[in-house]
Protein backbone atom coordinates (compact mmCIF):
# COMPACT_ATOMS: atom_id res chain seq x y z
CA MET A 1 -5.51 -12.83 9.92
CA PHE A 2 -3.60 -9.85 8.17
CA ILE A 3 -3.16 -9.87 4.35
CA ILE A 4 -0.45 -7.41 3.35
CA VAL A 5 0.52 -6.80 0.07
CA ASP A 6 3.67 -4.43 -0.97
CA GLY A 7 4.21 -2.50 -3.79
CA THR A 8 6.02 -3.08 -7.44
CA GLY A 9 9.83 -3.56 -7.23
CA PRO A 10 12.56 -5.19 -8.89
CA LEU A 11 12.22 -8.99 -10.29
CA ASN A 12 14.97 -10.23 -8.53
CA GLN A 13 13.30 -11.28 -4.75
CA GLN A 14 16.74 -10.31 -3.19
CA ASP A 15 16.64 -6.87 -4.84
CA TYR A 16 13.04 -6.67 -4.21
CA ASP A 17 13.72 -7.55 -0.43
CA MET A 18 16.66 -4.94 0.05
CA ALA A 19 14.55 -2.36 -1.95
CA MET A 20 11.27 -2.59 0.30
CA ALA A 21 13.44 -2.96 3.59
CA ARG A 22 11.75 0.09 4.86
CA SER A 23 8.30 0.02 3.71
CA PHE A 24 5.24 0.33 5.67
CA CYS A 25 3.64 -2.92 4.38
CA TRP A 26 7.09 -4.70 5.71
CA GLN A 27 7.23 -3.13 8.79
CA LEU A 28 3.65 -4.14 9.87
CA SER A 29 4.56 -7.82 8.78
CA THR A 30 7.68 -7.74 10.97
CA GLN A 31 5.41 -6.44 14.22
CA LEU A 32 2.38 -8.26 13.68
CA ILE A 33 4.04 -11.31 15.79
CA ARG A 34 0.21 -11.75 17.54
CA TYR A 35 -1.57 -12.23 14.04
CA PRO A 36 -0.79 -14.60 11.66
CA ALA A 37 0.59 -12.07 9.25
CA GLU A 38 0.94 -13.00 5.51
CA TYR A 39 3.35 -10.58 3.50
CA ILE A 40 2.80 -11.01 -0.02
CA SER A 41 5.47 -9.42 -2.84
CA GLY A 42 4.15 -6.55 -5.05
CA PRO A 43 2.87 -7.09 -8.55
CA ALA A 44 4.88 -7.40 -11.36
CA SER A 45 6.21 -4.20 -13.44
CA ALA A 46 3.21 -4.94 -15.95
CA GLY A 47 0.86 -5.61 -12.97
CA LEU A 48 -0.41 -8.51 -14.80
CA THR A 49 -0.27 -10.54 -11.25
CA THR A 50 -2.15 -8.32 -9.50
CA TYR A 51 -5.31 -10.44 -9.68
CA ASP A 52 -3.78 -13.68 -9.39
CA LYS A 53 -2.06 -12.39 -6.10
CA ALA A 54 -5.59 -11.37 -4.94
CA ARG A 55 -7.06 -15.10 -6.12
CA ASP A 56 -4.33 -16.35 -3.87
CA ALA A 57 -4.62 -14.49 -0.88
CA TYR A 58 -8.61 -15.09 -0.91
CA TYR A 59 -7.99 -18.90 -0.68
CA LYS A 60 -5.15 -18.41 1.92
CA ILE A 61 -8.06 -16.63 4.08
CA LYS A 62 -10.63 -19.38 3.23
CA GLN A 63 -7.92 -22.02 4.21
CA TYR A 64 -7.23 -20.07 8.02
CA LEU A 65 -11.23 -19.73 8.78
CA TYR A 66 -11.66 -23.40 8.09
CA THR A 67 -8.92 -24.03 10.09
CA PHE A 68 -10.13 -21.61 12.58
CA PRO A 69 -13.70 -21.40 12.66
CA THR A 70 -14.34 -19.07 15.50
CA PRO A 71 -14.83 -15.78 14.81
CA ARG A 72 -11.59 -14.22 13.70
CA LYS A 73 -10.92 -10.61 12.25
CA ILE A 74 -9.69 -9.99 8.93
CA TYR A 75 -7.06 -7.19 8.35
CA LEU A 76 -5.90 -5.88 4.80
CA ALA A 77 -3.22 -3.92 4.14
CA GLY A 78 -1.67 -2.60 0.71
CA TYR A 79 0.91 -0.11 -1.10
CA SER A 80 0.95 0.97 -4.49
CA ARG A 81 -0.42 -1.82 -6.99
CA GLY A 82 -0.63 -3.78 -3.73
CA GLY A 83 -3.39 -1.67 -2.16
CA ALA A 84 -5.42 -2.53 -5.72
CA CYS A 85 -4.93 -5.52 -4.95
CA VAL A 86 -6.54 -6.03 -1.46
CA ILE A 87 -9.28 -3.70 -2.74
CA TYR A 88 -10.17 -6.62 -5.01
CA LEU A 89 -9.25 -9.03 -2.47
CA ALA A 90 -12.26 -7.42 -0.29
CA SER A 91 -14.83 -7.60 -2.97
CA LEU A 92 -13.95 -11.52 -3.13
CA LEU A 93 -14.51 -11.97 0.28
CA LYS A 94 -17.85 -10.41 -0.10
CA GLU A 95 -19.16 -12.71 -2.90
CA ASP A 96 -17.98 -15.77 -0.89
CA GLU A 97 -20.84 -17.83 0.38
CA ARG A 98 -19.76 -16.70 4.00
CA HIS A 99 -19.65 -13.21 2.89
CA ILE A 100 -16.34 -12.80 4.81
CA GLU A 101 -16.12 -9.15 6.75
CA VAL A 102 -13.19 -7.16 7.06
CA GLU A 103 -12.19 -5.18 9.91
CA ALA A 104 -10.06 -2.67 8.64
CA MET A 105 -8.08 -2.13 5.53
CA PHE A 106 -4.94 0.34 5.62
CA LEU A 107 -3.86 1.59 2.22
CA PHE A 108 -0.96 3.62 1.27
CA ASP A 109 -1.44 5.56 -2.30
CA PRO A 110 -3.27 2.39 -3.63
CA VAL A 111 -3.35 2.33 -7.65
CA ASN A 112 -4.71 0.46 -10.09
CA PHE A 113 -2.63 0.27 -12.86
CA ASP A 114 -3.54 -3.13 -14.42
CA ALA A 115 -5.90 -3.33 -17.07
CA ASN A 116 -7.15 -6.67 -15.92
CA LEU A 117 -7.75 -5.77 -12.47
CA PRO A 118 -11.71 -4.83 -11.54
CA ASP A 119 -11.82 -1.38 -9.64
CA PRO A 120 -14.97 -2.07 -7.97
CA GLY A 121 -14.50 0.43 -5.23
CA ILE A 122 -15.14 -0.03 -1.18
CA THR A 123 -17.06 -3.09 -0.69
CA SER A 124 -19.89 -2.90 2.02
CA ASN A 125 -17.95 -6.11 3.94
CA VAL A 126 -15.00 -3.78 5.04
CA LYS A 127 -16.00 -1.79 8.24
CA ASN A 128 -12.79 0.75 7.74
CA ALA A 129 -10.49 1.66 5.30
CA TYR A 130 -7.90 4.11 5.94
CA ILE A 131 -6.37 5.41 3.31
CA VAL A 132 -3.73 8.03 2.94
CA PHE A 133 -2.65 9.32 -0.80
CA ARG A 134 0.04 11.45 -2.10
CA ASP A 135 -0.47 14.90 -3.77
CA GLN A 136 -1.05 14.03 -7.46
CA SER A 137 -0.28 17.62 -8.11
CA ILE A 138 3.51 17.66 -8.47
CA GLU A 139 4.36 16.83 -12.22
CA GLU A 140 5.37 13.38 -13.64
CA VAL A 141 8.27 14.64 -15.38
CA ASN A 142 10.66 17.69 -14.67
CA THR A 143 10.81 20.52 -17.48
CA ALA A 144 13.94 21.69 -15.94
CA TRP A 145 17.12 19.55 -16.30
CA LYS A 146 19.84 19.26 -14.01
CA PRO A 147 23.54 18.86 -15.18
CA ASN A 148 24.94 15.36 -14.59
CA TYR A 149 28.61 16.53 -14.99
CA GLY A 150 29.53 14.89 -18.21
CA TYR A 151 27.09 12.44 -18.07
CA GLY A 152 24.49 14.05 -20.05
CA VAL A 153 21.04 14.93 -18.06
CA MET A 154 19.10 13.68 -15.01
CA TYR A 155 15.51 14.21 -13.64
CA ASP A 156 15.11 16.57 -10.89
CA LYS A 157 13.38 14.32 -8.62
CA ASP A 158 12.02 17.36 -6.44
CA ILE A 159 9.51 17.37 -8.70
CA TYR A 160 8.76 13.90 -9.61
CA ALA A 161 5.93 11.90 -8.14
CA ARG A 162 4.34 9.60 -10.44
CA LYS A 163 1.52 11.57 -11.45
CA TRP A 164 0.64 9.52 -14.40
CA MET A 165 -0.37 6.41 -11.91
CA GLY A 166 -4.17 6.81 -11.29
CA ASN A 167 -5.74 6.62 -7.93
CA SER A 168 -7.35 3.22 -7.09
CA LYS A 169 -11.52 4.24 -6.57
CA CYS A 170 -11.72 4.10 -2.94
CA SER A 171 -15.01 5.43 -2.39
CA PRO A 172 -17.38 2.95 -0.27
CA ILE A 173 -20.29 1.22 -2.41
CA GLU A 174 -22.52 1.72 0.55
CA PRO A 175 -21.38 4.47 2.81
CA SER A 176 -23.66 3.61 5.56
CA LYS A 177 -21.85 0.34 6.05
CA THR A 178 -18.27 1.49 5.44
CA ASN A 179 -16.22 3.93 7.45
CA VAL A 180 -13.71 5.83 5.08
CA GLU A 181 -11.15 7.95 6.23
CA LEU A 182 -8.32 9.97 3.82
CA GLU A 183 -5.33 11.51 3.93
CA ILE A 184 -3.62 13.72 1.16
CA ILE A 185 0.07 14.12 1.91
CA LYS A 186 1.83 17.01 0.57
CA ASN A 187 4.41 17.76 -1.80
CA SER A 188 5.44 13.81 -1.55
CA SER A 189 6.47 11.17 -3.95
CA HIS A 190 4.77 7.84 -4.31
CA GLY A 191 7.46 6.14 -2.89
CA ALA A 192 7.15 8.31 0.29
CA VAL A 193 3.57 7.41 1.01
CA GLY A 194 4.43 3.68 1.14
CA GLY A 195 7.64 4.22 3.47
CA VAL A 196 10.25 3.90 0.33
CA PRO A 197 11.25 7.62 -0.06
CA TRP A 198 13.97 8.71 -2.46
CA VAL A 199 16.66 9.61 -0.04
CA GLU A 200 18.08 12.33 -2.59
CA ARG A 201 14.57 13.92 -2.25
CA SER A 202 14.47 16.06 0.79
CA ALA A 203 10.67 16.59 0.68
CA ASP A 204 10.09 12.76 0.74
CA LYS A 205 11.26 12.98 4.60
CA GLU A 206 8.48 15.36 5.00
CA GLY A 207 6.32 12.76 3.29
CA VAL A 208 7.05 9.93 4.89
CA ASP A 209 6.77 11.61 8.62
CA GLY A 210 3.39 12.64 7.33
CA ALA A 211 2.23 9.31 6.42
CA VAL A 212 3.50 7.57 9.75
CA ASN A 213 2.06 10.13 11.97
CA TRP A 214 -1.61 9.91 10.33
CA MET A 215 -1.51 6.04 10.07
CA ASN A 216 -0.44 5.48 13.30
CA PRO A 217 -3.39 6.51 15.21
CA TYR A 218 -5.63 4.19 13.39
CA LEU A 219 -3.62 1.09 13.76
CA LYS A 220 -3.62 1.88 17.57
CA LYS A 221 -7.52 1.89 17.63
CA HIS A 222 -7.62 -1.35 16.16
CA LYS A 223 -5.53 -2.31 18.85
CA LEU A 224 -3.08 -3.89 16.22
CA PRO A 225 0.73 -4.26 17.95
CA ALA A 226 2.48 -2.19 15.35
CA VAL A 227 4.01 1.13 14.96
CA LEU A 228 4.92 2.69 11.72
CA LYS A 229 8.34 4.55 11.46
CA ASP A 230 10.28 6.83 9.40
CA MET A 231 13.02 4.52 8.19
CA TRP A 232 14.74 7.47 6.33
CA PHE A 233 18.04 6.25 7.50
CA VAL A 234 17.88 2.84 6.13
CA ASN A 235 20.30 2.56 2.97
CA LYS A 236 20.77 5.97 3.29
CA LYS A 237 23.68 7.17 0.57
CA LYS A 238 26.14 8.52 2.47
């Protein structure tokens, strides 16, 4: 079973679906035909639903394993707060009486921006964790402004990357039991690392390609029938 939790987006479901039409999480959910893949929309803007989404996913996995009692592999994937959600989900699976193992976890710039959500790190029931982060050295807000042609001023998105959203704790609690592979994508926004770049920001093209090229070999390693793609052209403004 593959649980996939996307990042925060618009509250309206139709707007959310449009905004995430090229996200890496959505791409995974549409390609994993051989697996029961459960795609879950990201936590709401305040992040306060992250905990509930993790608990709901936990019970879905329990039901799945009850229905199919023969050994089944569990995979998790998440972007942004969705990444924090599946990290916590893994800890719930470890606490289960069956000590449910996670074969692999695929995380795209996981951030824990919810004061109510525990941030345990990668628990020992996770065999493999593949995590791609954005480069946090980029400043959060531009100090130089661009004119907006009579409509005031606007941020220069070339150096805006949500630096204020701290990374989730991704160190393994028991390093001998969990293989963790990390990659930092340089000069990239938070959105680009999740497959939803700013199309106005030329540097994000490189960020998307970097995340795709780094993560795909690990999907292939686990023989998962999914290939992430650079969907830069989708919804791109003319």
